[in-house]
Amino acid sequence: MSKALIIVDVQNDFCPGGSLATENGADVAAAISEYVEVHHTDYDAIVATQDWHKDPGSHFSETPDYKNSWPVHCKAETNGAETHPNLDTDYIEAFFRKGEFEAAYSGFEGILAPEDTVMTGERDAHENPEDNTPKLSLDDWLQERDITEVDVVGIATDFCVKATALDAVDAGYETQVLAELTAPVSDEGFEDALEELEDGGVTVVR
């Protein structure tokens, strides 16, 4: 049995100073980096997802309800969409971008990003990349590597982490969420999300 770590949406706009910040986003980014440094050999693959919005319709709003609509965030090719500098990307093999023209909370809605266009806090994307990357979904990529188990961490617990983990279960993966390596939008949302994850067949490691 092979296991992957999925790091969800650890991006500048979801950390303090960003347009849709979680209170603990930067701290969680650093904690994930520490975890990966110690535990990367426990995984057969490590991947990350990015919100990558171009025109997601009603997902963006000037009067957001913070449930179905949100302030503008993680616009493609902007600093807000870059991975947070506290996240060490050295062990990440692939990034999957989601939400160009829709909300797309789950990492399983993401498509493999061309390697030389991935924007991180440490290096710039290639200005004019030649995109020959196949349009490969996260599920397809994991299946190609015979992954059967996934651990999910990242931002935000009560939205994209939850959606990614529940989709992982639906896709047939044995799924864990490492709760201390996630950052919620709210404390109440955190507890509700963990309960929903457990009800959905996810093992929550607290």
N, C-alpha and C. Protein backbone atom coordinates (compact mmCIF):
# COMPACT_ATOMS: atom_id res chain seq x y z
N MET A 1 0.84 -1.19 0.00
CA MET A 1 0.00 0.00 0.00
C MET A 1 0.88 1.25 0.00
N SER A 2 0.50 2.23 -0.83
CA SER A 2 1.30 3.45 -0.98
C SER A 2 0.51 4.64 -0.48
N LYS A 3 1.22 5.59 0.12
CA LYS A 3 0.56 6.73 0.76
C LYS A 3 1.08 8.03 0.19
N ALA A 4 0.17 9.00 0.05
CA ALA A 4 0.52 10.36 -0.38
C ALA A 4 0.10 11.37 0.66
N LEU A 5 0.84 12.47 0.71
CA LEU A 5 0.46 13.64 1.50
C LEU A 5 -0.06 14.70 0.55
N ILE A 6 -1.26 15.21 0.84
CA ILE A 6 -1.86 16.28 0.04
C ILE A 6 -1.87 17.55 0.88
N ILE A 7 -1.15 18.57 0.43
CA ILE A 7 -1.08 19.86 1.11
C ILE A 7 -2.01 20.82 0.39
N VAL A 8 -3.07 21.25 1.07
CA VAL A 8 -4.14 22.00 0.43
C VAL A 8 -3.97 23.51 0.63
N ASP A 9 -3.80 24.23 -0.47
CA ASP A 9 -4.00 25.69 -0.54
C ASP A 9 -3.25 26.50 0.51
N VAL A 10 -1.98 26.20 0.72
CA VAL A 10 -1.18 27.00 1.66
C VAL A 10 -0.61 28.18 0.87
N GLN A 11 -1.46 29.19 0.70
CA GLN A 11 -1.19 30.32 -0.19
C GLN A 11 -1.27 31.64 0.56
N ASN A 12 -0.62 32.64 0.01
CA ASN A 12 -0.51 33.93 0.70
C ASN A 12 -1.86 34.53 1.06
N ASP A 13 -2.84 34.44 0.18
CA ASP A 13 -4.12 35.07 0.46
C ASP A 13 -4.88 34.41 1.61
N PHE A 14 -4.49 33.19 1.98
CA PHE A 14 -5.15 32.49 3.08
C PHE A 14 -4.37 32.58 4.39
N CYS A 15 -3.33 33.40 4.39
CA CYS A 15 -2.50 33.60 5.57
C CYS A 15 -2.56 35.07 5.98
N PRO A 16 -2.19 35.40 7.23
CA PRO A 16 -2.25 36.79 7.67
C PRO A 16 -1.60 37.75 6.67
N GLY A 17 -2.33 38.82 6.38
CA GLY A 17 -1.91 39.79 5.38
C GLY A 17 -2.55 39.57 4.03
N GLY A 18 -3.17 38.39 3.84
CA GLY A 18 -3.84 38.08 2.59
C GLY A 18 -5.28 38.55 2.58
N SER A 19 -5.91 38.47 1.41
CA SER A 19 -7.26 39.00 1.26
C SER A 19 -8.33 38.13 1.91
N LEU A 20 -8.00 36.88 2.22
CA LEU A 20 -8.97 35.97 2.85
C LEU A 20 -8.22 35.13 3.89
N ALA A 21 -7.61 35.83 4.82
CA ALA A 21 -6.66 35.22 5.75
C ALA A 21 -7.34 34.38 6.83
N THR A 22 -6.71 33.26 7.14
CA THR A 22 -7.03 32.52 8.36
C THR A 22 -6.03 32.95 9.42
N GLU A 23 -6.47 32.96 10.67
CA GLU A 23 -5.62 33.48 11.75
C GLU A 23 -4.32 32.70 11.88
N ASN A 24 -4.38 31.38 11.70
CA ASN A 24 -3.22 30.54 11.95
C ASN A 24 -2.55 30.04 10.67
N GLY A 25 -2.87 30.63 9.54
CA GLY A 25 -2.37 30.12 8.27
C GLY A 25 -0.85 30.05 8.18
N ALA A 26 -0.17 31.13 8.57
CA ALA A 26 1.29 31.16 8.46
C ALA A 26 1.93 30.17 9.42
N ASP A 27 1.36 30.05 10.62
CA ASP A 27 1.88 29.09 11.59
C ASP A 27 1.70 27.66 11.10
N VAL A 28 0.56 27.39 10.49
CA VAL A 28 0.31 26.06 9.96
C VAL A 28 1.25 25.76 8.79
N ALA A 29 1.53 26.77 7.96
CA ALA A 29 2.49 26.58 6.87
C ALA A 29 3.84 26.14 7.41
N ALA A 30 4.30 26.80 8.46
CA ALA A 30 5.59 26.45 9.07
C ALA A 30 5.53 25.06 9.70
N ALA A 31 4.42 24.75 10.35
CA ALA A 31 4.28 23.43 10.98
C ALA A 31 4.27 22.31 9.95
N ILE A 32 3.64 22.55 8.82
CA ILE A 32 3.64 21.55 7.74
C ILE A 32 5.07 21.34 7.25
N SER A 33 5.81 22.42 7.09
CA SER A 33 7.21 22.29 6.64
C SER A 33 8.02 21.45 7.61
N GLU A 34 7.84 21.69 8.90
CA GLU A 34 8.56 20.90 9.91
C GLU A 34 8.15 19.44 9.85
N TYR A 35 6.85 19.21 9.69
CA TYR A 35 6.34 17.84 9.61
C TYR A 35 6.93 17.12 8.40
N VAL A 36 6.93 17.78 7.26
CA VAL A 36 7.43 17.16 6.03
C VAL A 36 8.93 16.86 6.14
N GLU A 37 9.67 17.76 6.75
CA GLU A 37 11.10 17.55 6.91
C GLU A 37 11.37 16.26 7.69
N VAL A 38 10.56 15.99 8.69
CA VAL A 38 10.75 14.80 9.53
C VAL A 38 10.14 13.56 8.90
N HIS A 39 8.99 13.72 8.24
CA HIS A 39 8.19 12.56 7.84
C HIS A 39 8.13 12.30 6.33
N HIS A 40 8.90 13.03 5.53
CA HIS A 40 8.75 12.88 4.07
C HIS A 40 9.02 11.45 3.60
N THR A 41 9.85 10.72 4.32
CA THR A 41 10.12 9.34 3.90
C THR A 41 8.95 8.40 4.20
N ASP A 42 7.97 8.87 4.96
CA ASP A 42 6.77 8.07 5.23
C ASP A 42 5.83 8.04 4.04
N TYR A 43 6.08 8.89 3.06
CA TYR A 43 5.16 9.05 1.93
C TYR A 43 5.82 8.64 0.62
N ASP A 44 5.00 8.07 -0.24
CA ASP A 44 5.46 7.71 -1.59
C ASP A 44 5.29 8.87 -2.56
N ALA A 45 4.50 9.87 -2.17
CA ALA A 45 4.31 11.07 -2.99
C ALA A 45 3.84 12.20 -2.09
N ILE A 46 4.27 13.41 -2.41
CA ILE A 46 3.81 14.61 -1.72
C ILE A 46 3.39 15.61 -2.79
N VAL A 47 2.15 16.08 -2.70
CA VAL A 47 1.61 17.01 -3.68
C VAL A 47 0.95 18.18 -2.96
N ALA A 48 0.68 19.23 -3.71
CA ALA A 48 0.00 20.40 -3.15
C ALA A 48 -1.05 20.90 -4.13
N THR A 49 -2.05 21.58 -3.59
CA THR A 49 -3.07 22.20 -4.43
C THR A 49 -2.98 23.72 -4.29
N GLN A 50 -3.48 24.40 -5.32
CA GLN A 50 -3.56 25.86 -5.31
C GLN A 50 -4.91 26.31 -5.83
N ASP A 51 -5.56 27.20 -5.08
CA ASP A 51 -6.64 27.97 -5.66
C ASP A 51 -6.03 28.81 -6.78
N TRP A 52 -6.70 28.85 -7.94
CA TRP A 52 -6.09 29.50 -9.12
C TRP A 52 -7.21 30.12 -9.94
N HIS A 53 -7.75 31.22 -9.40
CA HIS A 53 -8.97 31.79 -9.97
C HIS A 53 -8.68 32.80 -11.07
N LYS A 54 -9.46 32.69 -12.14
CA LYS A 54 -9.44 33.70 -13.20
C LYS A 54 -10.78 34.43 -13.24
N ASP A 55 -11.84 33.71 -13.48
CA ASP A 55 -13.18 34.29 -13.46
C ASP A 55 -14.13 33.26 -12.88
N PRO A 56 -14.16 33.12 -11.54
CA PRO A 56 -14.98 32.08 -10.93
C PRO A 56 -16.43 32.47 -10.68
N GLY A 57 -16.91 33.50 -11.37
CA GLY A 57 -18.31 33.88 -11.30
C GLY A 57 -18.71 34.33 -9.91
N SER A 58 -19.82 33.80 -9.40
CA SER A 58 -20.40 34.26 -8.13
C SER A 58 -19.58 33.84 -6.92
N HIS A 59 -18.52 33.08 -7.12
CA HIS A 59 -17.62 32.73 -6.02
C HIS A 59 -16.97 34.00 -5.44
N PHE A 60 -16.76 35.01 -6.29
CA PHE A 60 -16.24 36.31 -5.86
C PHE A 60 -17.41 37.27 -5.69
N SER A 61 -17.36 38.07 -4.64
CA SER A 61 -18.42 39.04 -4.43
C SER A 61 -17.89 40.25 -3.67
N GLU A 62 -18.43 41.43 -3.98
CA GLU A 62 -18.12 42.63 -3.21
C GLU A 62 -18.86 42.63 -1.89
N THR A 63 -19.91 41.81 -1.77
CA THR A 63 -20.66 41.66 -0.52
C THR A 63 -20.75 40.16 -0.19
N PRO A 64 -19.63 39.56 0.16
CA PRO A 64 -19.59 38.11 0.35
C PRO A 64 -20.36 37.65 1.58
N ASP A 65 -20.88 36.43 1.51
CA ASP A 65 -21.55 35.85 2.68
C ASP A 65 -20.64 34.91 3.47
N TYR A 66 -19.44 34.69 2.97
CA TYR A 66 -18.43 33.85 3.60
C TYR A 66 -18.90 32.41 3.79
N LYS A 67 -19.81 32.01 2.95
CA LYS A 67 -20.24 30.61 2.88
C LYS A 67 -20.18 30.12 1.45
N ASN A 68 -20.82 30.88 0.57
CA ASN A 68 -20.82 30.54 -0.86
C ASN A 68 -20.14 31.59 -1.72
N SER A 69 -19.92 32.76 -1.15
CA SER A 69 -19.24 33.84 -1.89
C SER A 69 -18.19 34.47 -0.98
N TRP A 70 -17.13 35.00 -1.63
CA TRP A 70 -15.94 35.41 -0.90
C TRP A 70 -15.32 36.65 -1.53
N PRO A 71 -14.50 37.39 -0.76
CA PRO A 71 -13.72 38.45 -1.39
C PRO A 71 -12.78 37.87 -2.45
N VAL A 72 -12.35 38.71 -3.35
CA VAL A 72 -11.40 38.26 -4.38
C VAL A 72 -10.15 37.70 -3.71
N HIS A 73 -9.72 36.51 -4.16
CA HIS A 73 -8.56 35.86 -3.57
C HIS A 73 -7.91 34.94 -4.58
N CYS A 74 -6.64 34.69 -4.40
CA CYS A 74 -5.88 33.71 -5.19
C CYS A 74 -6.13 33.86 -6.69
N LYS A 75 -6.06 35.10 -7.15
CA LYS A 75 -6.17 35.33 -8.59
C LYS A 75 -4.93 34.78 -9.28
N ALA A 76 -5.13 34.07 -10.36
CA ALA A 76 -4.03 33.46 -11.11
C ALA A 76 -2.95 34.48 -11.43
N GLU A 77 -1.71 34.07 -11.27
CA GLU A 77 -0.53 34.87 -11.59
C GLU A 77 -0.34 36.07 -10.67
N THR A 78 -0.93 36.06 -9.46
CA THR A 78 -0.72 37.15 -8.51
C THR A 78 0.02 36.63 -7.28
N ASN A 79 0.53 37.57 -6.50
CA ASN A 79 1.23 37.21 -5.27
C ASN A 79 0.33 36.43 -4.32
N GLY A 80 -0.95 36.78 -4.29
CA GLY A 80 -1.87 36.09 -3.39
C GLY A 80 -2.02 34.62 -3.68
N ALA A 81 -1.77 34.22 -4.92
CA ALA A 81 -1.88 32.81 -5.31
C ALA A 81 -0.60 32.02 -5.06
N GLU A 82 0.49 32.72 -4.75
CA GLU A 82 1.75 32.02 -4.49
C GLU A 82 1.67 31.23 -3.20
N THR A 83 2.44 30.14 -3.11
CA THR A 83 2.53 29.43 -1.85
C THR A 83 3.20 30.33 -0.81
N HIS A 84 2.74 30.19 0.42
CA HIS A 84 3.28 31.03 1.50
C HIS A 84 4.76 30.70 1.71
N PRO A 85 5.60 31.70 1.97
CA PRO A 85 7.03 31.44 2.12
C PRO A 85 7.37 30.52 3.29
N ASN A 86 6.48 30.35 4.26
CA ASN A 86 6.74 29.42 5.36
C ASN A 86 6.62 27.96 4.92
N LEU A 87 6.04 27.73 3.76
CA LEU A 87 5.89 26.37 3.26
C LEU A 87 7.11 26.00 2.43
N ASP A 88 7.87 25.04 2.91
CA ASP A 88 9.03 24.54 2.17
C ASP A 88 8.53 23.62 1.06
N THR A 89 8.81 23.98 -0.18
CA THR A 89 8.27 23.23 -1.32
C THR A 89 9.25 22.19 -1.87
N ASP A 90 10.38 22.00 -1.20
CA ASP A 90 11.42 21.12 -1.75
C ASP A 90 10.94 19.70 -2.00
N TYR A 91 10.07 19.20 -1.15
CA TYR A 91 9.63 17.80 -1.27
C TYR A 91 8.34 17.64 -2.07
N ILE A 92 7.77 18.74 -2.52
CA ILE A 92 6.50 18.68 -3.26
C ILE A 92 6.79 18.30 -4.71
N GLU A 93 6.20 17.21 -5.16
CA GLU A 93 6.47 16.69 -6.50
C GLU A 93 5.60 17.33 -7.57
N ALA A 94 4.40 17.74 -7.19
CA ALA A 94 3.47 18.27 -8.20
C ALA A 94 2.47 19.20 -7.53
N PHE A 95 2.03 20.20 -8.29
CA PHE A 95 0.97 21.11 -7.85
C PHE A 95 -0.25 20.92 -8.75
N PHE A 96 -1.42 21.02 -8.13
CA PHE A 96 -2.68 20.89 -8.86
C PHE A 96 -3.50 22.15 -8.63
N ARG A 97 -3.82 22.83 -9.75
CA ARG A 97 -4.54 24.10 -9.68
C ARG A 97 -6.02 23.88 -9.92
N LYS A 98 -6.83 24.65 -9.19
CA LYS A 98 -8.27 24.47 -9.27
C LYS A 98 -8.98 25.82 -9.27
N GLY A 99 -10.15 25.84 -9.90
CA GLY A 99 -11.03 26.98 -9.76
C GLY A 99 -10.84 28.12 -10.74
N GLU A 100 -10.28 27.86 -11.92
CA GLU A 100 -10.12 28.97 -12.86
C GLU A 100 -11.43 29.67 -13.15
N PHE A 101 -12.49 28.88 -13.39
CA PHE A 101 -13.78 29.46 -13.79
C PHE A 101 -14.93 28.94 -12.93
N GLU A 102 -14.61 28.48 -11.71
CA GLU A 102 -15.62 27.97 -10.79
C GLU A 102 -15.07 28.05 -9.38
N ALA A 103 -15.89 27.70 -8.40
CA ALA A 103 -15.45 27.77 -7.01
C ALA A 103 -14.35 26.76 -6.71
N ALA A 104 -14.61 25.48 -6.94
CA ALA A 104 -13.61 24.40 -6.82
C ALA A 104 -12.93 24.36 -5.45
N TYR A 105 -13.64 23.89 -4.46
CA TYR A 105 -13.06 23.76 -3.13
C TYR A 105 -12.13 22.55 -3.01
N SER A 106 -12.45 21.48 -3.69
CA SER A 106 -11.70 20.23 -3.52
C SER A 106 -10.46 20.17 -4.41
N GLY A 107 -9.36 19.68 -3.83
CA GLY A 107 -8.16 19.46 -4.62
C GLY A 107 -8.36 18.46 -5.73
N PHE A 108 -9.37 17.61 -5.60
CA PHE A 108 -9.65 16.62 -6.65
C PHE A 108 -10.30 17.24 -7.88
N GLU A 109 -10.59 18.54 -7.81
CA GLU A 109 -11.02 19.28 -8.99
C GLU A 109 -9.84 19.92 -9.70
N GLY A 110 -8.64 19.75 -9.15
CA GLY A 110 -7.46 20.39 -9.70
C GLY A 110 -6.84 19.64 -10.86
N ILE A 111 -6.08 20.38 -11.66
CA ILE A 111 -5.37 19.86 -12.82
C ILE A 111 -3.87 20.11 -12.62
N LEU A 112 -3.06 19.16 -13.03
CA LEU A 112 -1.61 19.27 -12.88
C LEU A 112 -1.09 20.56 -13.50
N ALA A 113 -0.31 21.31 -12.72
CA ALA A 113 0.27 22.57 -13.21
C ALA A 113 1.61 22.30 -13.87
N PRO A 114 1.91 23.02 -14.96
CA PRO A 114 3.25 22.91 -15.56
C PRO A 114 4.31 23.28 -14.52
N GLU A 115 5.36 22.49 -14.42
CA GLU A 115 6.34 22.66 -13.34
C GLU A 115 6.96 24.04 -13.34
N ASP A 116 7.26 24.58 -14.52
CA ASP A 116 7.97 25.85 -14.56
C ASP A 116 7.06 27.06 -14.42
N THR A 117 5.76 26.84 -14.17
CA THR A 117 4.86 27.97 -13.94
C THR A 117 4.39 28.04 -12.50
N VAL A 118 4.78 27.09 -11.67
CA VAL A 118 4.33 27.10 -10.29
C VAL A 118 4.96 28.28 -9.57
N MET A 119 4.11 29.12 -8.97
CA MET A 119 4.58 30.31 -8.27
C MET A 119 4.70 29.99 -6.79
N THR A 120 5.89 30.12 -6.25
CA THR A 120 6.11 29.93 -4.83
C THR A 120 6.67 31.22 -4.26
N GLY A 121 6.83 31.24 -2.95
CA GLY A 121 7.38 32.43 -2.32
C GLY A 121 8.85 32.59 -2.54
N GLU A 122 9.51 31.60 -3.13
CA GLU A 122 10.96 31.62 -3.25
C GLU A 122 11.46 31.78 -4.67
N ARG A 123 10.62 31.47 -5.66
CA ARG A 123 11.11 31.58 -7.03
C ARG A 123 9.96 32.02 -7.93
N ASP A 124 10.32 32.66 -9.03
CA ASP A 124 9.30 33.19 -9.94
C ASP A 124 8.94 32.14 -10.97
N ALA A 125 7.72 32.27 -11.47
CA ALA A 125 7.32 31.43 -12.59
C ALA A 125 8.05 31.86 -13.85
N HIS A 126 8.22 30.94 -14.76
CA HIS A 126 8.78 31.25 -16.08
C HIS A 126 7.81 32.19 -16.79
N GLU A 127 8.33 33.20 -17.42
CA GLU A 127 7.46 34.23 -18.00
C GLU A 127 6.64 33.70 -19.16
N ASN A 128 7.24 32.89 -20.01
CA ASN A 128 6.53 32.39 -21.19
C ASN A 128 6.70 30.87 -21.29
N PRO A 129 6.07 30.14 -20.36
CA PRO A 129 6.26 28.70 -20.36
C PRO A 129 5.61 28.04 -21.57
N GLU A 130 6.24 27.00 -22.05
CA GLU A 130 5.63 26.19 -23.10
C GLU A 130 4.86 25.07 -22.41
N ASP A 131 3.55 25.15 -22.42
CA ASP A 131 2.73 24.24 -21.63
C ASP A 131 2.43 22.98 -22.42
N ASN A 132 3.29 21.98 -22.19
CA ASN A 132 3.03 20.66 -22.77
C ASN A 132 2.57 19.68 -21.71
N THR A 133 2.20 20.20 -20.54
CA THR A 133 1.78 19.33 -19.44
C THR A 133 0.43 18.71 -19.76
N PRO A 134 0.30 17.40 -19.59
CA PRO A 134 -1.00 16.76 -19.83
C PRO A 134 -2.03 17.26 -18.82
N LYS A 135 -3.29 17.31 -19.24
CA LYS A 135 -4.37 17.76 -18.36
C LYS A 135 -4.75 16.62 -17.42
N LEU A 136 -3.90 16.43 -16.42
CA LEU A 136 -4.02 15.29 -15.53
C LEU A 136 -4.65 15.73 -14.22
N SER A 137 -5.67 15.01 -13.78
CA SER A 137 -6.31 15.33 -12.51
C SER A 137 -5.50 14.76 -11.36
N LEU A 138 -5.78 15.25 -10.16
CA LEU A 138 -5.11 14.73 -8.97
C LEU A 138 -5.39 13.24 -8.81
N ASP A 139 -6.62 12.83 -9.00
CA ASP A 139 -6.97 11.41 -8.87
C ASP A 139 -6.19 10.57 -9.87
N ASP A 140 -6.14 11.01 -11.12
CA ASP A 140 -5.39 10.26 -12.14
C ASP A 140 -3.91 10.15 -11.76
N TRP A 141 -3.35 11.26 -11.29
CA TRP A 141 -1.93 11.28 -10.93
C TRP A 141 -1.64 10.30 -9.80
N LEU A 142 -2.51 10.28 -8.79
CA LEU A 142 -2.32 9.37 -7.67
C LEU A 142 -2.50 7.91 -8.11
N GLN A 143 -3.47 7.67 -8.95
CA GLN A 143 -3.69 6.30 -9.42
C GLN A 143 -2.51 5.80 -10.24
N GLU A 144 -1.90 6.67 -11.03
CA GLU A 144 -0.73 6.27 -11.82
C GLU A 144 0.41 5.78 -10.92
N ARG A 145 0.42 6.26 -9.69
CA ARG A 145 1.48 5.90 -8.74
C ARG A 145 1.01 4.87 -7.72
N ASP A 146 -0.15 4.27 -7.98
CA ASP A 146 -0.70 3.20 -7.13
C ASP A 146 -0.89 3.64 -5.68
N ILE A 147 -1.25 4.91 -5.50
CA ILE A 147 -1.53 5.42 -4.16
C ILE A 147 -2.88 4.89 -3.69
N THR A 148 -2.91 4.41 -2.45
CA THR A 148 -4.16 3.89 -1.87
C THR A 148 -4.57 4.63 -0.60
N GLU A 149 -3.64 5.37 0.00
CA GLU A 149 -3.90 6.10 1.23
C GLU A 149 -3.45 7.54 1.07
N VAL A 150 -4.19 8.48 1.67
CA VAL A 150 -3.77 9.88 1.65
C VAL A 150 -3.93 10.51 3.02
N ASP A 151 -2.99 11.36 3.36
CA ASP A 151 -3.12 12.27 4.50
C ASP A 151 -3.34 13.66 3.93
N VAL A 152 -4.24 14.42 4.54
CA VAL A 152 -4.59 15.75 4.05
C VAL A 152 -4.30 16.78 5.12
N VAL A 153 -3.63 17.87 4.73
CA VAL A 153 -3.31 18.99 5.62
C VAL A 153 -3.54 20.28 4.85
N GLY A 154 -3.51 21.42 5.54
CA GLY A 154 -3.57 22.69 4.83
C GLY A 154 -4.66 23.63 5.27
N ILE A 155 -5.14 24.44 4.32
CA ILE A 155 -6.06 25.54 4.57
C ILE A 155 -7.24 25.48 3.59
N ALA A 156 -8.42 25.72 3.96
CA ALA A 156 -8.91 25.88 5.32
C ALA A 156 -9.62 24.61 5.74
N THR A 157 -9.50 24.27 7.01
CA THR A 157 -10.06 23.03 7.53
C THR A 157 -11.52 22.86 7.14
N ASP A 158 -12.29 23.93 7.29
CA ASP A 158 -13.73 23.87 7.15
C ASP A 158 -14.22 24.09 5.72
N PHE A 159 -13.30 24.22 4.77
CA PHE A 159 -13.70 24.37 3.38
C PHE A 159 -12.88 23.45 2.47
N CYS A 160 -11.72 23.90 2.02
CA CYS A 160 -11.00 23.13 1.00
C CYS A 160 -10.36 21.85 1.54
N VAL A 161 -9.89 21.86 2.78
CA VAL A 161 -9.37 20.63 3.37
C VAL A 161 -10.50 19.61 3.50
N LYS A 162 -11.62 20.06 4.03
CA LYS A 162 -12.77 19.16 4.19
C LYS A 162 -13.22 18.60 2.86
N ALA A 163 -13.37 19.45 1.86
CA ALA A 163 -13.84 19.00 0.55
C ALA A 163 -12.87 18.02 -0.09
N THR A 164 -11.58 18.29 0.05
CA THR A 164 -10.56 17.41 -0.53
C THR A 164 -10.59 16.04 0.14
N ALA A 165 -10.67 16.02 1.46
CA ALA A 165 -10.67 14.75 2.19
C ALA A 165 -11.92 13.93 1.89
N LEU A 166 -13.07 14.58 1.83
CA LEU A 166 -14.31 13.84 1.54
C LEU A 166 -14.29 13.29 0.12
N ASP A 167 -13.75 14.06 -0.82
CA ASP A 167 -13.62 13.56 -2.19
C ASP A 167 -12.63 12.40 -2.27
N ALA A 168 -11.58 12.44 -1.43
CA ALA A 168 -10.62 11.34 -1.40
C ALA A 168 -11.31 10.05 -0.97
N VAL A 169 -12.15 10.14 0.05
CA VAL A 169 -12.92 8.96 0.48
C VAL A 169 -13.81 8.47 -0.65
N ASP A 170 -14.51 9.39 -1.28
CA ASP A 170 -15.41 9.02 -2.38
C ASP A 170 -14.65 8.35 -3.52
N ALA A 171 -13.39 8.75 -3.71
CA ALA A 171 -12.58 8.17 -4.79
C ALA A 171 -11.95 6.84 -4.39
N GLY A 172 -12.15 6.43 -3.14
CA GLY A 172 -11.68 5.12 -2.72
C GLY A 172 -10.39 5.09 -1.94
N TYR A 173 -9.88 6.27 -1.55
CA TYR A 173 -8.64 6.31 -0.79
C TYR A 173 -8.92 6.20 0.71
N GLU A 174 -8.06 5.48 1.42
CA GLU A 174 -8.09 5.51 2.88
C GLU A 174 -7.53 6.85 3.30
N THR A 175 -8.33 7.63 4.02
CA THR A 175 -8.04 9.06 4.16
C THR A 175 -7.95 9.49 5.61
N GLN A 176 -6.88 10.24 5.91
CA GLN A 176 -6.71 10.87 7.21
C GLN A 176 -6.57 12.38 7.03
N VAL A 177 -7.10 13.14 7.98
CA VAL A 177 -6.81 14.56 8.09
C VAL A 177 -6.00 14.76 9.37
N LEU A 178 -4.84 15.39 9.23
CA LEU A 178 -4.00 15.70 10.38
C LEU A 178 -4.41 17.08 10.89
N ALA A 179 -5.33 17.08 11.87
CA ALA A 179 -6.05 18.30 12.23
C ALA A 179 -5.13 19.42 12.71
N GLU A 180 -4.05 19.09 13.41
CA GLU A 180 -3.16 20.13 13.92
C GLU A 180 -2.37 20.81 12.81
N LEU A 181 -2.38 20.21 11.62
CA LEU A 181 -1.69 20.80 10.47
C LEU A 181 -2.69 21.42 9.51
N THR A 182 -3.82 21.89 10.07
CA THR A 182 -4.81 22.61 9.27
C THR A 182 -5.16 23.92 9.98
N ALA A 183 -5.65 24.87 9.20
CA ALA A 183 -6.08 26.17 9.74
C ALA A 183 -7.52 26.42 9.30
N PRO A 184 -8.43 26.67 10.24
CA PRO A 184 -9.82 26.90 9.90
C PRO A 184 -10.13 28.38 9.65
N VAL A 185 -11.25 28.61 9.00
CA VAL A 185 -11.77 29.97 8.91
C VAL A 185 -12.24 30.43 10.28
N SER A 186 -12.88 29.52 11.04
CA SER A 186 -13.37 29.86 12.38
C SER A 186 -13.24 28.65 13.30
N ASP A 187 -13.18 28.90 14.60
CA ASP A 187 -13.09 27.80 15.57
C ASP A 187 -14.33 26.92 15.51
N GLU A 188 -15.48 27.54 15.39
CA GLU A 188 -16.72 26.77 15.28
C GLU A 188 -16.72 25.92 14.02
N GLY A 189 -16.26 26.51 12.92
CA GLY A 189 -16.18 25.77 11.67
C GLY A 189 -15.22 24.61 11.77
N PHE A 190 -14.15 24.78 12.54
CA PHE A 190 -13.15 23.72 12.73
C PHE A 190 -13.80 22.49 13.35
N GLU A 191 -14.50 22.67 14.44
CA GLU A 191 -15.12 21.53 15.13
C GLU A 191 -16.21 20.89 14.28
N ASP A 192 -17.00 21.71 13.62
CA ASP A 192 -18.06 21.17 12.75
C ASP A 192 -17.45 20.38 11.59
N ALA A 193 -16.35 20.88 11.04
CA ALA A 193 -15.71 20.21 9.92
C ALA A 193 -15.16 18.85 10.34
N LEU A 194 -14.52 18.80 11.50
CA LEU A 194 -13.96 17.53 11.96
C LEU A 194 -15.06 16.50 12.18
N GLU A 195 -16.18 16.94 12.72
CA GLU A 195 -17.31 16.04 12.91
C GLU A 195 -17.84 15.53 11.58
N GLU A 196 -17.97 16.44 10.61
CA GLU A 196 -18.45 16.05 9.29
C GLU A 196 -17.47 15.10 8.60
N LEU A 197 -16.20 15.33 8.77
CA LEU A 197 -15.18 14.46 8.18
C LEU A 197 -15.29 13.06 8.77
N GLU A 198 -15.41 12.96 10.06
CA GLU A 198 -15.53 11.64 10.71
C GLU A 198 -16.80 10.93 10.26
N ASP A 199 -17.88 11.69 10.15
CA ASP A 199 -19.13 11.09 9.66
C ASP A 199 -19.00 10.62 8.22
N GLY A 200 -18.11 11.28 7.47
CA GLY A 200 -17.92 10.94 6.05
C GLY A 200 -16.90 9.85 5.80
N GLY A 201 -16.35 9.25 6.87
CA GLY A 201 -15.42 8.14 6.70
C GLY A 201 -13.95 8.52 6.74
N VAL A 202 -13.66 9.76 7.11
CA VAL A 202 -12.27 10.22 7.23
C VAL A 202 -11.79 9.98 8.65
N THR A 203 -10.57 9.49 8.79
CA THR A 203 -9.94 9.39 10.10
C THR A 203 -9.32 10.73 10.43
N VAL A 204 -9.75 11.33 11.55
CA VAL A 204 -9.21 12.62 11.97
C VAL A 204 -8.19 12.37 13.06
N VAL A 205 -6.95 12.78 12.80
CA VAL A 205 -5.87 12.66 13.76
C VAL A 205 -5.75 14.01 14.46
N ARG A 206 -6.07 14.04 15.74
CA ARG A 206 -6.09 15.31 16.47
C ARG A 206 -4.77 15.54 17.20
